[in-house]
Protein backbone atom coordinates (compact mmCIF):
# COMPACT_ATOMS: atom_id res chain seq x y z
CA MET A 1 58.35 -22.20 88.90
CA TYR A 2 54.81 -23.54 89.98
CA ASP A 3 54.30 -24.97 86.15
CA GLU A 4 57.70 -26.31 86.26
CA ALA A 5 56.73 -28.03 89.92
CA ILE A 6 53.49 -29.40 88.47
CA GLU A 7 55.11 -31.01 85.38
CA LEU A 8 57.45 -32.62 87.79
CA LEU A 9 54.64 -34.18 89.65
CA TYR A 10 53.43 -35.36 86.53
CA THR A 11 56.01 -36.83 84.70
CA LYS A 12 58.64 -38.09 87.19
CA LEU A 13 55.98 -39.93 89.04
CA PRO A 14 53.40 -42.98 88.45
CA MET A 15 50.12 -41.00 87.66
CA PHE A 16 47.02 -43.17 87.59
CA GLN A 17 45.17 -40.03 85.79
CA ARG A 18 47.75 -40.54 82.76
CA SER A 19 48.95 -43.99 82.85
CA GLY A 20 45.98 -45.87 84.82
CA PRO A 21 46.59 -49.32 86.34
CA ALA A 22 50.33 -49.31 85.63
CA ALA A 23 50.48 -46.29 88.77
CA TYR A 24 48.06 -48.51 90.85
CA LYS A 25 50.00 -49.95 94.00
CA PRO A 26 48.57 -52.86 96.06
CA ASN A 27 49.54 -51.53 99.16
CA LEU A 28 49.87 -48.53 101.71
CA ASP A 29 53.61 -49.21 101.94
CA GLY A 30 54.56 -46.06 99.62
CA THR A 31 52.08 -43.77 101.48
CA LYS A 32 53.41 -44.49 104.51
CA ALA A 33 57.03 -44.08 103.70
CA VAL A 34 56.10 -40.70 102.30
CA CYS A 35 54.36 -39.56 105.98
CA ASN A 36 57.17 -40.90 107.65
CA LEU A 37 59.80 -38.87 105.48
CA ILE A 38 57.71 -35.42 106.63
CA GLY A 39 56.64 -36.18 110.17
CA ASN A 40 53.93 -37.92 109.87
CA PRO A 41 51.31 -34.77 109.95
CA GLU A 42 48.24 -37.50 109.67
CA ASN A 43 48.62 -37.76 113.76
CA LYS A 44 48.16 -34.17 113.92
CA LEU A 45 44.89 -33.83 112.48
CA ARG A 46 41.28 -34.88 112.80
CA PHE A 47 39.28 -36.63 109.75
CA VAL A 48 35.99 -37.45 108.49
CA HIS A 49 36.90 -40.26 105.93
CA ILE A 50 34.26 -40.48 102.82
CA ALA A 51 34.69 -43.64 100.54
CA GLY A 52 31.91 -44.82 98.04
CA THR A 53 31.34 -45.21 94.15
CA ASN A 54 29.45 -42.47 93.46
CA GLY A 55 28.61 -38.85 95.45
CA LYS A 56 30.92 -39.34 97.68
CA GLY A 57 33.15 -36.07 96.22
CA THR A 58 30.17 -34.30 96.73
CA VAL A 59 29.07 -35.13 100.51
CA ALA A 60 32.72 -34.33 101.26
CA HIS A 61 32.01 -30.98 99.64
CA MET A 62 28.79 -30.75 101.57
CA VAL A 63 30.54 -31.54 105.08
CA SER A 64 33.07 -29.18 104.36
CA SER A 65 31.03 -26.48 103.43
CA VAL A 66 28.82 -27.06 106.45
CA MET A 67 32.17 -27.19 109.00
CA GLN A 68 33.16 -23.75 107.47
CA ARG A 69 30.08 -22.23 108.21
CA ALA A 70 30.06 -23.43 111.65
CA GLY A 71 33.41 -21.59 112.00
CA TYR A 72 35.92 -24.41 112.07
CA LYS A 73 38.83 -23.91 109.57
CA THR A 74 38.05 -27.14 106.99
CA ALA A 75 40.51 -29.03 105.28
CA LEU A 76 39.39 -30.51 102.03
CA PHE A 77 41.23 -33.55 100.23
CA THR A 78 39.37 -34.80 97.08
CA SER A 79 40.49 -36.10 93.88
CA PRO A 80 40.64 -35.99 90.65
CA HIS A 81 41.08 -32.72 89.84
CA LEU A 82 39.39 -31.25 86.63
CA ILE A 83 41.54 -28.10 85.71
CA ASP A 84 44.00 -27.04 88.50
CA PHE A 85 45.78 -30.04 90.58
CA ARG A 86 45.08 -27.13 93.54
CA GLU A 87 41.46 -28.36 93.41
CA ARG A 88 42.93 -31.24 95.10
CA ILE A 89 43.45 -29.75 98.33
CA ARG A 90 41.69 -26.79 99.78
CA ILE A 91 41.25 -24.94 103.30
CA ASN A 92 37.95 -23.24 103.79
CA GLY A 93 37.58 -23.30 100.04
CA GLU A 94 40.81 -22.07 99.48
CA LYS A 95 43.10 -23.96 96.94
CA ILE A 96 46.38 -24.87 98.41
CA PRO A 97 49.10 -21.45 97.45
CA GLU A 98 51.10 -22.17 94.31
CA SER A 99 54.33 -21.30 96.61
CA TYR A 100 53.54 -24.34 98.99
CA VAL A 101 53.29 -26.88 96.07
CA VAL A 102 56.64 -25.17 94.68
CA GLY A 103 58.44 -25.78 98.15
CA PHE A 104 56.97 -29.19 99.00
CA VAL A 105 58.96 -30.11 95.40
CA GLU A 106 61.66 -28.59 95.81
CA ARG A 107 62.15 -29.86 99.58
CA PHE A 108 61.21 -33.38 98.45
CA LEU A 109 62.66 -33.65 95.22
CA SER A 110 65.49 -35.50 96.02
CA LYS A 111 64.39 -37.45 98.72
CA TRP A 112 61.08 -39.10 96.59
CA GLY A 113 62.00 -42.59 96.11
CA THR A 114 59.34 -44.34 94.29
CA PRO A 115 56.01 -43.00 95.52
CA SER A 116 53.35 -42.93 92.88
CA PHE A 117 51.76 -38.92 92.11
CA PHE A 118 48.93 -39.97 94.72
CA GLU A 119 50.97 -41.26 97.65
CA LEU A 120 53.15 -38.12 97.66
CA THR A 121 50.49 -35.82 96.81
CA PHE A 122 48.25 -37.06 99.59
CA GLY A 123 51.30 -36.69 101.85
CA MET A 124 51.48 -32.69 100.53
CA ALA A 125 48.11 -32.03 101.30
CA LEU A 126 48.55 -33.89 105.01
CA GLN A 127 51.82 -31.58 105.56
CA TYR A 128 49.78 -28.43 104.38
CA PHE A 129 46.99 -29.04 106.49
CA ALA A 130 48.96 -29.39 109.48
CA ASP A 131 51.23 -26.52 109.25
CA GLU A 132 48.15 -24.42 108.70
CA LYS A 133 46.58 -25.80 111.87
CA THR A 134 43.26 -26.55 110.58
CA GLU A 135 40.68 -27.99 112.69
CA ILE A 136 38.92 -30.71 111.13
CA VAL A 137 39.93 -32.80 107.54
CA ILE A 138 37.47 -33.84 105.07
CA LEU A 139 38.69 -36.47 103.43
CA GLU A 140 37.48 -38.59 100.21
CA THR A 141 39.48 -41.38 99.30
CA GLY A 142 40.89 -41.76 95.55
CA MET A 143 39.70 -45.63 94.65
CA GLY A 144 38.57 -48.23 97.02
CA GLY A 145 38.99 -47.78 101.15
CA ARG A 146 40.98 -50.52 102.41
CA LEU A 147 44.17 -50.00 100.11
CA ASP A 148 43.91 -46.77 99.52
CA SER A 149 46.28 -43.95 100.50
CA THR A 150 44.11 -41.93 102.65
CA ASN A 151 43.53 -44.94 104.60
CA ILE A 152 47.28 -44.40 106.31
CA ILE A 153 45.00 -42.25 109.04
CA PRO A 154 45.20 -43.41 112.46
CA THR A 155 41.35 -43.09 113.48
CA ALA A 156 38.39 -40.73 112.51
CA GLU A 157 35.73 -38.58 113.70
CA VAL A 158 33.38 -40.22 111.56
CA CYS A 159 33.95 -42.78 108.44
CA ALA A 160 30.80 -42.65 105.87
CA ILE A 161 30.43 -44.72 102.25
CA THR A 162 28.09 -43.45 99.97
CA ASN A 163 26.46 -45.34 96.98
CA ILE A 164 28.37 -48.66 95.68
CA GLY A 165 28.37 -49.54 92.21
CA LEU A 166 30.56 -51.54 89.74
CA ASP A 167 33.67 -49.52 88.96
CA HIS A 168 37.46 -50.21 89.28
CA MET A 169 36.25 -53.70 88.82
CA GLN A 170 40.31 -54.96 88.59
CA PHE A 171 41.25 -53.51 91.49
CA LEU A 172 38.60 -53.91 93.72
CA GLY A 173 36.62 -57.11 92.74
CA ASP A 174 34.23 -57.96 90.35
CA ASP A 175 30.74 -57.66 92.27
CA ILE A 176 28.84 -55.66 94.77
CA ARG A 177 30.13 -57.57 97.67
CA SER A 178 33.95 -57.59 96.83
CA ILE A 179 33.94 -53.59 96.06
CA ALA A 180 31.27 -52.76 99.22
CA LEU A 181 34.21 -55.02 101.52
CA GLU A 182 36.91 -53.05 100.24
CA LYS A 183 35.32 -49.42 100.92
CA ALA A 184 34.90 -50.90 104.52
CA GLY A 185 38.25 -51.45 104.93
CA VAL A 186 38.40 -47.35 105.90
CA PHE A 187 36.57 -48.45 108.90
CA LYS A 188 38.52 -47.54 112.02
CA ASN A 189 37.76 -49.40 115.64
CA GLN A 190 35.23 -47.94 117.27
CA VAL A 191 34.72 -45.06 115.27
CA PRO A 192 30.96 -44.44 114.18
CA VAL A 193 30.02 -45.34 110.56
CA VAL A 194 27.40 -43.14 108.35
CA LEU A 195 26.12 -45.41 105.50
CA GLY A 196 24.08 -43.97 102.66
CA LYS A 197 21.80 -45.22 100.27
CA MET A 198 23.19 -48.49 98.49
CA ARG A 199 22.31 -51.99 97.42
CA SER A 200 20.95 -54.47 100.20
CA GLU A 201 24.00 -57.07 98.92
CA ALA A 202 26.52 -53.94 99.74
CA GLN A 203 25.04 -52.88 103.15
CA SER A 204 25.00 -56.98 104.41
CA VAL A 205 28.95 -56.92 104.12
CA ILE A 206 29.77 -53.51 105.61
CA LEU A 207 27.07 -54.23 108.33
CA GLU A 208 29.43 -57.44 109.23
CA HIS A 209 32.85 -55.56 108.70
CA ALA A 210 31.03 -52.88 111.32
CA LEU A 211 30.30 -55.25 113.55
CA LYS A 212 33.52 -56.79 113.64
CA MET A 213 35.17 -53.30 114.16
CA SER A 214 32.55 -52.37 116.92
CA CYS A 215 31.28 -49.57 114.90
CA GLU A 216 28.28 -47.98 115.49
CA MET A 217 26.16 -47.42 112.88
CA HIS A 218 23.90 -44.32 111.57
CA TYR A 219 22.00 -44.45 108.01
CA GLY A 220 21.73 -41.63 106.33
CA LYS A 221 18.64 -41.96 104.02
CA GLU A 222 16.61 -39.40 104.27
CA VAL A 223 16.76 -35.64 103.82
CA PRO A 224 15.73 -33.66 107.19
CA TYR A 225 12.53 -31.60 107.22
CA SER A 226 14.31 -28.82 107.65
CA LEU A 227 16.89 -29.41 104.72
CA THR A 228 13.99 -30.47 102.10
CA GLU A 229 13.73 -27.34 100.06
CA LEU A 230 17.44 -27.73 99.22
CA ILE A 231 16.60 -30.42 96.92
CA THR A 232 17.00 -28.81 93.66
CA THR A 233 18.76 -31.59 91.42
CA PRO A 234 18.48 -35.00 91.04
CA PHE A 235 21.72 -35.93 93.06
CA ALA A 236 20.72 -33.85 95.68
CA SER A 237 18.61 -35.47 97.84
CA GLU A 238 20.71 -39.02 98.57
CA ASN A 239 23.84 -36.97 99.08
CA ILE A 240 22.15 -34.23 101.27
CA ALA A 241 21.01 -37.58 103.45
CA THR A 242 24.46 -38.84 103.55
CA ALA A 243 26.19 -35.42 104.18
CA SER A 244 23.70 -34.55 107.16
CA LYS A 245 23.74 -37.46 108.88
CA ILE A 246 27.52 -37.25 109.38
CA ILE A 247 26.91 -33.60 110.53
CA ASP A 248 24.81 -35.45 113.54
CA VAL A 249 27.34 -37.76 114.57
CA LEU A 250 29.72 -34.94 114.37
CA ARG A 251 27.61 -33.24 116.83
CA ILE A 252 27.50 -36.19 119.16
CA GLN A 253 31.20 -36.47 118.63
CA GLY A 254 31.36 -32.96 120.41
CA TRP A 255 31.43 -30.12 117.27
CA ASN A 256 29.43 -27.33 117.61
CA ILE A 257 27.18 -27.19 114.24
CA SER A 258 23.98 -25.04 114.70
CA SER A 259 20.99 -25.60 112.78
CA GLU A 260 21.65 -22.44 110.99
CA SER A 261 25.17 -23.40 110.12
CA GLU A 262 23.91 -26.73 108.37
CA PHE A 263 20.93 -25.22 106.38
CA GLU A 264 23.89 -22.21 105.18
CA GLY A 265 26.41 -24.82 104.31
CA PHE A 266 24.08 -26.91 102.44
CA GLU A 267 22.61 -24.38 100.50
CA LYS A 268 26.05 -22.57 99.41
CA TYR A 269 28.49 -25.57 99.38
CA ASN A 270 29.22 -25.04 95.66
CA GLU A 271 30.03 -21.81 96.24
CA LEU A 272 31.76 -22.05 99.26
CA THR A 273 33.70 -25.09 98.43
CA ASN A 274 34.19 -24.17 94.68
CA LEU A 275 32.83 -27.51 93.45
CA TYR A 276 31.71 -27.55 89.52
CA GLY A 277 31.28 -30.28 87.23
CA ARG A 278 28.64 -32.20 89.04
CA TRP A 279 25.09 -31.63 87.56
CA HIS A 280 26.89 -27.76 86.64
CA PHE A 281 24.81 -25.92 83.94
CA ILE A 282 26.83 -23.72 81.49
CA PRO A 283 24.50 -20.80 80.87
CA PRO A 284 24.19 -19.93 76.82
CA SER A 285 26.26 -17.49 74.83
CA GLU A 286 26.69 -16.18 71.31
CA ASN A 287 25.51 -18.67 68.88
CA GLU A 288 26.31 -21.37 71.50
CA SER A 289 23.01 -23.13 73.81
CA SER A 290 23.59 -24.18 77.13
CA ILE A 291 25.40 -27.02 78.20
CA LEU A 292 24.94 -29.36 81.05
CA MET A 293 28.45 -30.94 82.78
CA ASP A 294 28.18 -33.88 84.56
CA CYS A 295 30.82 -36.61 85.55
CA ALA A 296 29.16 -39.67 85.44
CA HIS A 297 31.49 -42.24 84.24
CA ASN A 298 29.97 -45.55 85.74
CA ILE A 299 26.97 -47.54 85.19
CA ASP A 300 25.16 -45.96 88.38
CA GLY A 301 26.10 -42.41 87.37
CA MET A 302 24.83 -42.98 83.78
CA ASN A 303 21.48 -44.30 84.63
CA LEU A 304 20.60 -41.49 87.37
CA LEU A 305 21.86 -38.81 84.88
CA MET A 306 19.79 -40.22 82.00
CA THR A 307 16.76 -41.20 84.09
CA SER A 308 16.99 -37.50 85.42
CA MET A 309 17.60 -35.96 81.68
CA LEU A 310 14.91 -37.86 80.57
CA SER A 311 12.89 -36.79 83.58
CA GLU A 312 13.90 -32.85 83.13
CA PHE A 313 13.64 -32.79 79.77
CA PRO A 314 11.18 -35.52 78.44
CA ASN A 315 10.73 -34.11 74.66
CA LYS A 316 14.52 -33.51 74.37
CA ILE A 317 17.36 -35.02 72.10
CA PHE A 318 20.43 -35.17 73.92
CA HIS A 319 23.34 -33.98 71.92
CA ILE A 320 26.21 -36.11 74.25
CA VAL A 321 29.86 -35.10 74.05
CA TYR A 322 31.48 -37.99 75.50
CA GLY A 323 34.70 -39.78 76.47
CA THR A 324 36.24 -42.48 78.61
CA VAL A 325 39.63 -43.81 79.18
CA SER A 326 41.33 -46.80 77.51
CA ASP A 327 41.51 -49.46 80.74
CA LYS A 328 37.52 -49.33 80.54
CA ASN A 329 34.91 -51.02 78.65
CA PRO A 330 32.24 -48.36 78.20
CA SER A 331 29.52 -50.96 76.31
CA LYS A 332 27.34 -51.08 79.31
CA ILE A 333 27.44 -47.23 79.64
CA LEU A 334 26.50 -46.61 76.46
CA SER A 335 23.59 -48.92 76.53
CA LEU A 336 21.80 -46.51 78.93
CA ILE A 337 22.02 -43.59 76.45
CA PRO A 338 18.70 -43.15 74.10
CA ASN A 339 19.25 -44.56 70.78
CA ASN A 340 18.14 -41.19 69.07
CA ALA A 341 20.79 -39.16 70.76
CA VAL A 342 23.24 -37.27 68.73
CA MET A 343 26.49 -38.15 69.88
CA TYR A 344 29.90 -36.17 69.76
CA TRP A 345 32.60 -38.98 70.17
CA CYS A 346 36.12 -37.05 71.84
CA GLU A 347 39.09 -37.97 73.83
CA ALA A 348 40.30 -35.75 76.48
CA ASP A 349 44.09 -34.70 76.89
CA VAL A 350 45.38 -37.44 79.02
CA PRO A 351 47.51 -40.76 77.64
CA ARG A 352 44.73 -42.84 79.40
CA SER A 353 41.94 -41.72 76.72
CA MET A 354 40.44 -44.13 74.81
CA ASP A 355 41.54 -43.57 70.85
CA VAL A 356 38.06 -41.91 69.55
CA GLU A 357 37.02 -44.25 66.27
CA THR A 358 37.60 -47.15 69.06
CA LEU A 359 35.20 -45.72 71.31
CA LYS A 360 32.82 -44.60 68.15
CA LYS A 361 32.78 -48.38 66.83
CA ILE A 362 31.90 -49.18 70.58
CA GLY A 363 29.01 -46.57 70.17
CA LEU A 364 27.95 -47.92 67.01
CA ASP A 365 27.78 -51.43 68.56
CA ASN A 366 25.49 -50.15 71.19
CA GLY A 367 23.23 -48.51 68.29
CA LEU A 368 24.91 -44.59 68.71
CA SER A 369 25.79 -42.56 66.01
CA GLY A 370 27.38 -39.20 65.83
CA LYS A 371 30.69 -37.61 64.81
CA SER A 372 34.36 -37.93 66.14
CA TYR A 373 36.64 -35.13 67.53
CA THR A 374 40.47 -35.71 68.76
CA SER A 375 39.81 -32.74 70.84
CA VAL A 376 36.85 -32.04 73.51
CA LYS A 377 36.67 -28.34 73.13
CA ASP A 378 35.69 -28.77 69.04
CA ALA A 379 33.59 -31.48 70.22
CA VAL A 380 31.74 -28.99 72.96
CA SER A 381 31.76 -25.70 70.64
CA ASP A 382 29.76 -28.14 67.91
CA ALA A 383 27.16 -29.60 70.04
CA ARG A 384 26.21 -26.49 72.04
CA LYS A 385 26.28 -24.80 68.25
CA SER A 386 23.56 -27.27 67.12
CA CYS A 387 21.39 -27.08 70.21
CA PHE A 388 21.31 -23.38 69.98
CA SER A 389 18.51 -22.88 67.29
CA ASN A 390 17.30 -26.18 67.96
CA ASP A 391 14.19 -25.76 70.93
CA ASP A 392 14.42 -29.57 71.07
CA SER A 393 17.56 -30.72 71.85
CA LYS A 394 19.89 -30.45 74.89
CA ALA A 395 23.54 -30.35 75.10
CA ILE A 396 25.73 -32.64 77.65
CA VAL A 397 29.17 -33.63 78.76
CA CYS A 398 29.65 -36.96 80.54
CA GLY A 399 31.80 -39.78 80.42
CA SER A 400 35.72 -39.23 81.95
CA VAL A 401 36.03 -36.74 84.35
CA TYR A 402 38.95 -36.07 82.56
CA VAL A 403 36.81 -35.01 79.25
CA VAL A 404 34.44 -32.79 81.75
CA GLY A 405 37.68 -31.07 82.96
CA ASP A 406 39.13 -30.24 79.45
CA ALA A 407 35.28 -29.31 78.14
CA LEU A 408 35.06 -26.63 81.61
CA ASN A 409 38.68 -25.61 80.50
CA GLY A 410 37.94 -24.60 76.83
CA ILE A 411 34.83 -22.36 78.16
């Protein structure tokens, strides 16, 4: 029954994950219609709303983990999923039950109209969170902010924006300032805002918009001394700084969060919220080396990943399993990869994936060489075997989040 319900969601509704731009709707009408149909559960919930280009998912998981440790029944909505659809919708780290997904689909199948996959599944999440009487919902935007489905919520405890970079430019604008303005669209009148580390041109646009909305500004740019020992990955510092400032603002709003709960929440956020696929090392196995999984898929993400890997493993040759989607030009992203890297070109099992031979040609134009694979699983296996007995090499999976999902699913 669950598999049938998921197949219905995937095949009967426009889905950005599978069909890309064709599933995008430049308005909130569909989401509002879904919420009206199910009794507007968003009016019964309290939210932390997080937008941004890079880091917003990790920050959402961190804040969720801290709120769990503080004793609150905490809901978490993120996207996309890597392996299981239910990863998108969690309460205290536990995925939405299969039975709830089946029941929701059965109840509303005949009433769907023409919502997108994201619009309907966001409605499902809100209904589930309201039914379960969650105390706070940590809400990650899907894309952008102003016209993102998550922006139908009436208000929030705090809104936050993480690093802003160039991504989804065909929808959000072709420069940082335009994208920043779209992200700032999540601001609510007189609701405090937390800004993570970002470019000055993005910050100036956001500050101007915040002033119009009478939003008090808070800056998450430094990790509190009490949390510095938790900076164990290249990405941790920026994300902890932003998330800890969100926690500070929640305290100001009256939420009871002890310093012990905050520390434990940050220390164990992967475990408490089941986050993976971000600077995620898979240990070695028989005849296969360890491999790093990371969802770096845009210029800023790849730049940080490559800079971090070169710092961590300065004398290694990277064996990189890489795939992307057909509606993006990866040329600038691939230019950040060292020319001595060994590439394992592949395509994930979704219709949006870029044809592997097309991708390989773009890679060749950027001075990269390697082999082509139609299966992510085969590419990962070959990369790990190549690095197993070679101390001078390191295996990595990156690019499309769907490639990372296929890689994790195949291990």
